[in-house]
Amino acid sequence: MPLAIVADERGREPEAEPEPRLGAVADEVAPLADEPAMAEPADGQPARAASVTAPSADSADVDGARLVALNMALNGTPRDDTDQYLADNFDLPDRAGLLDEVYATVES
């Protein structure tokens, strides 16, 4: 099937878009090559990545329980049912406090 050139409303053929210049991109990137990648520490030792600690299992468990409780509360689940579900599925240090927080947020 042959390709047809579509004319605009005024009967003119569309103008061809100019080809991008590769040199223009290289001109923008070249100055970055002159900059140092990372500043060296004053003591001459190689830079070390910052220590990142993963959240503890306890905090992840509390966050997961809070999310579940919030979802249940927003869906209209009675507090007692949510409390029982959390007791059955999560080991929480302060389940009552978590429920107080969640249900206070939903009820306001």
N, C-alpha and C. Protein backbone atom coordinates (compact mmCIF):
# COMPACT_ATOMS: atom_id res chain seq x y z
N MET A 1 0.84 -1.16 0.00
CA MET A 1 0.00 0.00 0.00
C MET A 1 0.90 1.24 0.00
N PRO A 2 0.74 2.15 -0.94
CA PRO A 2 1.60 3.33 -1.02
C PRO A 2 1.28 4.31 0.11
N LEU A 3 2.32 5.02 0.57
CA LEU A 3 2.15 6.02 1.60
C LEU A 3 1.65 7.31 0.97
N ALA A 4 0.71 7.94 1.59
CA ALA A 4 0.18 9.20 1.09
C ALA A 4 0.64 10.33 2.00
N ILE A 5 0.92 11.47 1.41
CA ILE A 5 1.28 12.64 2.19
C ILE A 5 0.00 13.40 2.46
N VAL A 6 -0.24 13.68 3.72
CA VAL A 6 -1.47 14.35 4.12
C VAL A 6 -1.23 15.84 4.14
N ALA A 7 -2.11 16.60 3.53
CA ALA A 7 -2.00 18.05 3.51
C ALA A 7 -2.78 18.62 4.68
N ASP A 8 -2.35 19.80 5.17
CA ASP A 8 -3.09 20.42 6.26
C ASP A 8 -4.33 21.10 5.72
N GLU A 9 -5.08 21.82 6.59
CA GLU A 9 -6.34 22.43 6.19
C GLU A 9 -6.19 23.42 5.03
N ARG A 10 -5.02 24.03 4.93
CA ARG A 10 -4.82 25.04 3.89
C ARG A 10 -4.28 24.43 2.61
N GLY A 11 -4.16 23.12 2.55
CA GLY A 11 -3.71 22.47 1.34
C GLY A 11 -2.21 22.32 1.22
N ARG A 12 -1.46 22.71 2.26
CA ARG A 12 -0.02 22.60 2.20
C ARG A 12 0.43 21.27 2.78
N GLU A 13 1.53 20.77 2.26
CA GLU A 13 2.11 19.56 2.81
C GLU A 13 2.86 19.94 4.08
N PRO A 14 2.88 19.05 5.07
CA PRO A 14 3.60 19.37 6.31
C PRO A 14 5.10 19.47 6.05
N GLU A 15 5.72 20.38 6.80
CA GLU A 15 7.17 20.55 6.67
C GLU A 15 7.88 19.42 7.40
N ALA A 16 8.99 19.01 6.85
CA ALA A 16 9.78 17.96 7.49
C ALA A 16 10.44 18.52 8.74
N GLU A 17 10.49 17.72 9.80
CA GLU A 17 11.15 18.16 11.02
C GLU A 17 12.66 18.06 10.81
N PRO A 18 13.40 19.02 11.35
CA PRO A 18 14.85 18.97 11.17
C PRO A 18 15.45 17.79 11.92
N GLU A 19 16.50 17.22 11.36
CA GLU A 19 17.21 16.11 11.99
C GLU A 19 17.93 16.64 13.23
N PRO A 20 17.91 15.89 14.33
CA PRO A 20 18.64 16.36 15.50
C PRO A 20 20.13 16.29 15.24
N ARG A 21 20.85 17.29 15.75
CA ARG A 21 22.30 17.30 15.57
C ARG A 21 22.94 16.54 16.72
N LEU A 22 23.73 15.54 16.39
CA LEU A 22 24.43 14.79 17.40
C LEU A 22 25.49 15.65 18.08
N GLY A 23 26.04 16.56 17.36
CA GLY A 23 27.06 17.43 17.92
C GLY A 23 26.50 18.29 19.04
N ALA A 24 25.22 18.67 18.95
CA ALA A 24 24.61 19.51 19.98
C ALA A 24 24.56 18.76 21.31
N VAL A 25 24.23 17.48 21.27
CA VAL A 25 24.19 16.70 22.49
C VAL A 25 25.59 16.55 23.07
N ALA A 26 26.56 16.28 22.21
CA ALA A 26 27.94 16.14 22.66
C ALA A 26 28.44 17.43 23.28
N ASP A 27 28.03 18.59 22.74
CA ASP A 27 28.43 19.87 23.29
C ASP A 27 27.88 20.07 24.71
N GLU A 28 26.67 19.54 24.97
CA GLU A 28 26.07 19.68 26.30
C GLU A 28 26.71 18.74 27.30
N VAL A 29 27.15 17.57 26.86
CA VAL A 29 27.71 16.57 27.75
C VAL A 29 29.18 16.84 28.06
N ALA A 30 29.90 17.40 27.13
CA ALA A 30 31.34 17.60 27.28
C ALA A 30 31.72 18.36 28.55
N PRO A 31 31.03 19.45 28.94
CA PRO A 31 31.44 20.14 30.17
C PRO A 31 31.35 19.25 31.41
N LEU A 32 30.44 18.28 31.42
CA LEU A 32 30.29 17.41 32.58
C LEU A 32 31.51 16.51 32.77
N ALA A 33 32.18 16.17 31.69
CA ALA A 33 33.33 15.29 31.77
C ALA A 33 34.49 15.95 32.51
N ASP A 34 34.54 17.28 32.54
CA ASP A 34 35.62 18.00 33.20
C ASP A 34 35.43 18.08 34.71
N GLU A 35 34.20 17.84 35.21
CA GLU A 35 33.92 17.95 36.63
C GLU A 35 34.31 16.66 37.35
N PRO A 36 34.81 16.76 38.59
CA PRO A 36 35.15 15.53 39.32
C PRO A 36 33.88 14.76 39.67
N ALA A 37 33.97 13.45 39.63
CA ALA A 37 32.81 12.61 39.90
C ALA A 37 32.40 12.69 41.36
N MET A 38 33.39 12.70 42.27
CA MET A 38 33.09 12.76 43.69
C MET A 38 34.26 13.44 44.39
N ALA A 39 33.95 14.29 45.31
CA ALA A 39 35.02 14.96 46.05
C ALA A 39 35.71 13.95 46.96
N GLU A 40 37.03 14.03 47.02
CA GLU A 40 37.81 13.15 47.88
C GLU A 40 37.78 13.68 49.30
N PRO A 41 37.67 12.81 50.29
CA PRO A 41 37.71 13.28 51.68
C PRO A 41 39.08 13.87 52.01
N ALA A 42 39.12 14.73 53.00
CA ALA A 42 40.36 15.42 53.36
C ALA A 42 41.44 14.46 53.84
N ASP A 43 41.08 13.31 54.42
CA ASP A 43 42.09 12.40 54.95
C ASP A 43 42.70 11.49 53.88
N GLY A 44 42.28 11.62 52.64
CA GLY A 44 42.84 10.83 51.54
C GLY A 44 42.26 9.43 51.43
N GLN A 45 41.38 9.05 52.35
CA GLN A 45 40.74 7.74 52.28
C GLN A 45 39.60 7.78 51.27
N PRO A 46 39.31 6.65 50.62
CA PRO A 46 38.20 6.65 49.67
C PRO A 46 36.87 6.92 50.39
N ALA A 47 35.98 7.58 49.69
CA ALA A 47 34.68 7.90 50.27
C ALA A 47 33.89 6.62 50.50
N ARG A 48 33.16 6.58 51.60
CA ARG A 48 32.35 5.41 51.92
C ARG A 48 30.88 5.79 51.84
N ALA A 49 30.08 4.81 51.43
CA ALA A 49 28.64 5.04 51.36
C ALA A 49 28.08 5.17 52.77
N ALA A 50 27.06 5.97 52.91
CA ALA A 50 26.42 6.13 54.21
C ALA A 50 25.79 4.81 54.63
N SER A 51 25.86 4.54 55.89
CA SER A 51 25.28 3.31 56.41
C SER A 51 23.76 3.44 56.43
N VAL A 52 23.11 2.49 55.84
CA VAL A 52 21.66 2.48 55.80
C VAL A 52 21.19 1.21 56.50
N THR A 53 20.34 1.39 57.48
CA THR A 53 19.84 0.22 58.18
C THR A 53 18.42 -0.05 57.74
N ALA A 54 18.12 -1.32 57.59
CA ALA A 54 16.78 -1.72 57.22
C ALA A 54 15.89 -1.58 58.46
N PRO A 55 14.60 -1.31 58.25
CA PRO A 55 13.72 -1.23 59.40
C PRO A 55 13.66 -2.58 60.10
N SER A 56 13.53 -2.54 61.40
CA SER A 56 13.48 -3.80 62.14
C SER A 56 12.19 -4.54 61.82
N ALA A 57 12.19 -5.81 62.09
CA ALA A 57 11.00 -6.62 61.84
C ALA A 57 9.85 -6.12 62.69
N ASP A 58 10.16 -5.63 63.92
CA ASP A 58 9.11 -5.13 64.80
C ASP A 58 8.44 -3.90 64.22
N SER A 59 9.23 -2.95 63.70
CA SER A 59 8.63 -1.74 63.15
C SER A 59 7.87 -2.05 61.87
N ALA A 60 8.37 -2.99 61.07
CA ALA A 60 7.66 -3.38 59.86
C ALA A 60 6.36 -4.05 60.21
N ASP A 61 6.36 -4.85 61.28
CA ASP A 61 5.15 -5.53 61.73
C ASP A 61 4.12 -4.51 62.21
N VAL A 62 4.58 -3.52 62.96
CA VAL A 62 3.68 -2.48 63.45
C VAL A 62 3.13 -1.66 62.29
N ASP A 63 3.98 -1.31 61.33
CA ASP A 63 3.52 -0.55 60.17
C ASP A 63 2.51 -1.35 59.35
N GLY A 64 2.78 -2.63 59.17
CA GLY A 64 1.84 -3.48 58.44
C GLY A 64 0.51 -3.60 59.16
N ALA A 65 0.57 -3.77 60.49
CA ALA A 65 -0.65 -3.87 61.28
C ALA A 65 -1.44 -2.56 61.23
N ARG A 66 -0.72 -1.43 61.27
CA ARG A 66 -1.39 -0.13 61.20
C ARG A 66 -2.12 0.02 59.86
N LEU A 67 -1.47 -0.41 58.80
CA LEU A 67 -2.09 -0.32 57.47
C LEU A 67 -3.33 -1.21 57.40
N VAL A 68 -3.24 -2.42 57.91
CA VAL A 68 -4.39 -3.34 57.91
C VAL A 68 -5.52 -2.76 58.75
N ALA A 69 -5.19 -2.26 59.94
CA ALA A 69 -6.21 -1.70 60.82
C ALA A 69 -6.88 -0.48 60.19
N LEU A 70 -6.08 0.36 59.54
CA LEU A 70 -6.64 1.54 58.87
C LEU A 70 -7.58 1.13 57.75
N ASN A 71 -7.18 0.15 56.98
CA ASN A 71 -8.03 -0.34 55.89
C ASN A 71 -9.34 -0.92 56.44
N MET A 72 -9.24 -1.70 57.49
CA MET A 72 -10.44 -2.28 58.09
C MET A 72 -11.35 -1.18 58.65
N ALA A 73 -10.77 -0.19 59.31
CA ALA A 73 -11.56 0.90 59.89
C ALA A 73 -12.25 1.70 58.79
N LEU A 74 -11.53 1.97 57.72
CA LEU A 74 -12.13 2.73 56.61
C LEU A 74 -13.24 1.96 55.92
N ASN A 75 -13.16 0.63 55.98
CA ASN A 75 -14.21 -0.20 55.38
C ASN A 75 -15.38 -0.43 56.33
N GLY A 76 -15.33 0.18 57.52
CA GLY A 76 -16.44 0.10 58.46
C GLY A 76 -16.41 -1.11 59.37
N THR A 77 -15.30 -1.80 59.46
CA THR A 77 -15.18 -2.95 60.34
C THR A 77 -15.23 -2.48 61.79
N PRO A 78 -16.04 -3.12 62.63
CA PRO A 78 -16.08 -2.72 64.04
C PRO A 78 -14.71 -2.89 64.70
N ARG A 79 -14.45 -2.03 65.66
CA ARG A 79 -13.15 -2.02 66.34
C ARG A 79 -12.82 -3.38 66.97
N ASP A 80 -13.81 -4.03 67.57
CA ASP A 80 -13.57 -5.33 68.21
C ASP A 80 -13.12 -6.37 67.19
N ASP A 81 -13.71 -6.36 66.00
CA ASP A 81 -13.31 -7.31 64.95
C ASP A 81 -11.88 -7.03 64.48
N THR A 82 -11.55 -5.75 64.34
CA THR A 82 -10.18 -5.38 63.94
C THR A 82 -9.19 -5.80 65.01
N ASP A 83 -9.56 -5.58 66.27
CA ASP A 83 -8.70 -5.97 67.39
C ASP A 83 -8.44 -7.47 67.36
N GLN A 84 -9.47 -8.26 67.15
CA GLN A 84 -9.31 -9.72 67.11
C GLN A 84 -8.42 -10.14 65.94
N TYR A 85 -8.60 -9.50 64.77
CA TYR A 85 -7.78 -9.83 63.60
C TYR A 85 -6.31 -9.52 63.88
N LEU A 86 -6.05 -8.36 64.46
CA LEU A 86 -4.66 -7.99 64.77
C LEU A 86 -4.06 -8.94 65.80
N ALA A 87 -4.84 -9.34 66.80
CA ALA A 87 -4.36 -10.27 67.82
C ALA A 87 -4.00 -11.62 67.20
N ASP A 88 -4.78 -12.06 66.22
CA ASP A 88 -4.54 -13.35 65.58
C ASP A 88 -3.37 -13.33 64.61
N ASN A 89 -3.08 -12.16 64.00
CA ASN A 89 -2.12 -12.12 62.89
C ASN A 89 -0.85 -11.31 63.11
N PHE A 90 -0.80 -10.52 64.20
CA PHE A 90 0.36 -9.67 64.44
C PHE A 90 0.79 -9.77 65.90
N ASP A 91 2.09 -9.67 66.12
CA ASP A 91 2.63 -9.62 67.47
C ASP A 91 2.98 -8.16 67.75
N LEU A 92 2.04 -7.47 68.40
CA LEU A 92 2.17 -6.03 68.60
C LEU A 92 2.40 -5.71 70.07
N PRO A 93 3.32 -4.77 70.35
CA PRO A 93 3.56 -4.40 71.75
C PRO A 93 2.43 -3.57 72.34
N ASP A 94 1.70 -2.78 71.52
CA ASP A 94 0.63 -1.91 72.02
C ASP A 94 -0.52 -1.90 71.02
N ARG A 95 -1.23 -3.01 70.96
CA ARG A 95 -2.34 -3.14 70.00
C ARG A 95 -3.45 -2.13 70.31
N ALA A 96 -3.76 -1.93 71.58
CA ALA A 96 -4.82 -1.00 71.97
C ALA A 96 -4.47 0.43 71.55
N GLY A 97 -3.21 0.82 71.74
CA GLY A 97 -2.78 2.15 71.33
C GLY A 97 -2.87 2.35 69.83
N LEU A 98 -2.49 1.31 69.09
CA LEU A 98 -2.57 1.38 67.63
C LEU A 98 -4.03 1.54 67.19
N LEU A 99 -4.92 0.75 67.81
CA LEU A 99 -6.35 0.85 67.47
C LEU A 99 -6.91 2.22 67.84
N ASP A 100 -6.50 2.76 69.01
CA ASP A 100 -6.94 4.10 69.40
C ASP A 100 -6.55 5.12 68.34
N GLU A 101 -5.29 5.04 67.91
CA GLU A 101 -4.78 5.98 66.90
C GLU A 101 -5.54 5.86 65.58
N VAL A 102 -5.71 4.64 65.11
CA VAL A 102 -6.35 4.42 63.82
C VAL A 102 -7.81 4.85 63.85
N TYR A 103 -8.55 4.38 64.84
CA TYR A 103 -9.99 4.70 64.88
C TYR A 103 -10.23 6.17 65.18
N ALA A 104 -9.34 6.84 65.93
CA ALA A 104 -9.47 8.28 66.15
C ALA A 104 -9.28 9.04 64.84
N THR A 105 -8.34 8.57 64.02
CA THR A 105 -8.09 9.21 62.72
C THR A 105 -9.29 9.04 61.79
N VAL A 106 -9.86 7.86 61.77
CA VAL A 106 -10.98 7.57 60.86
C VAL A 106 -12.24 8.28 61.30
N GLU A 107 -12.47 8.37 62.59
CA GLU A 107 -13.70 8.97 63.10
C GLU A 107 -13.70 10.49 63.04
N SER A 108 -12.52 11.10 62.87
CA SER A 108 -12.47 12.57 62.84
C SER A 108 -12.77 13.14 61.48
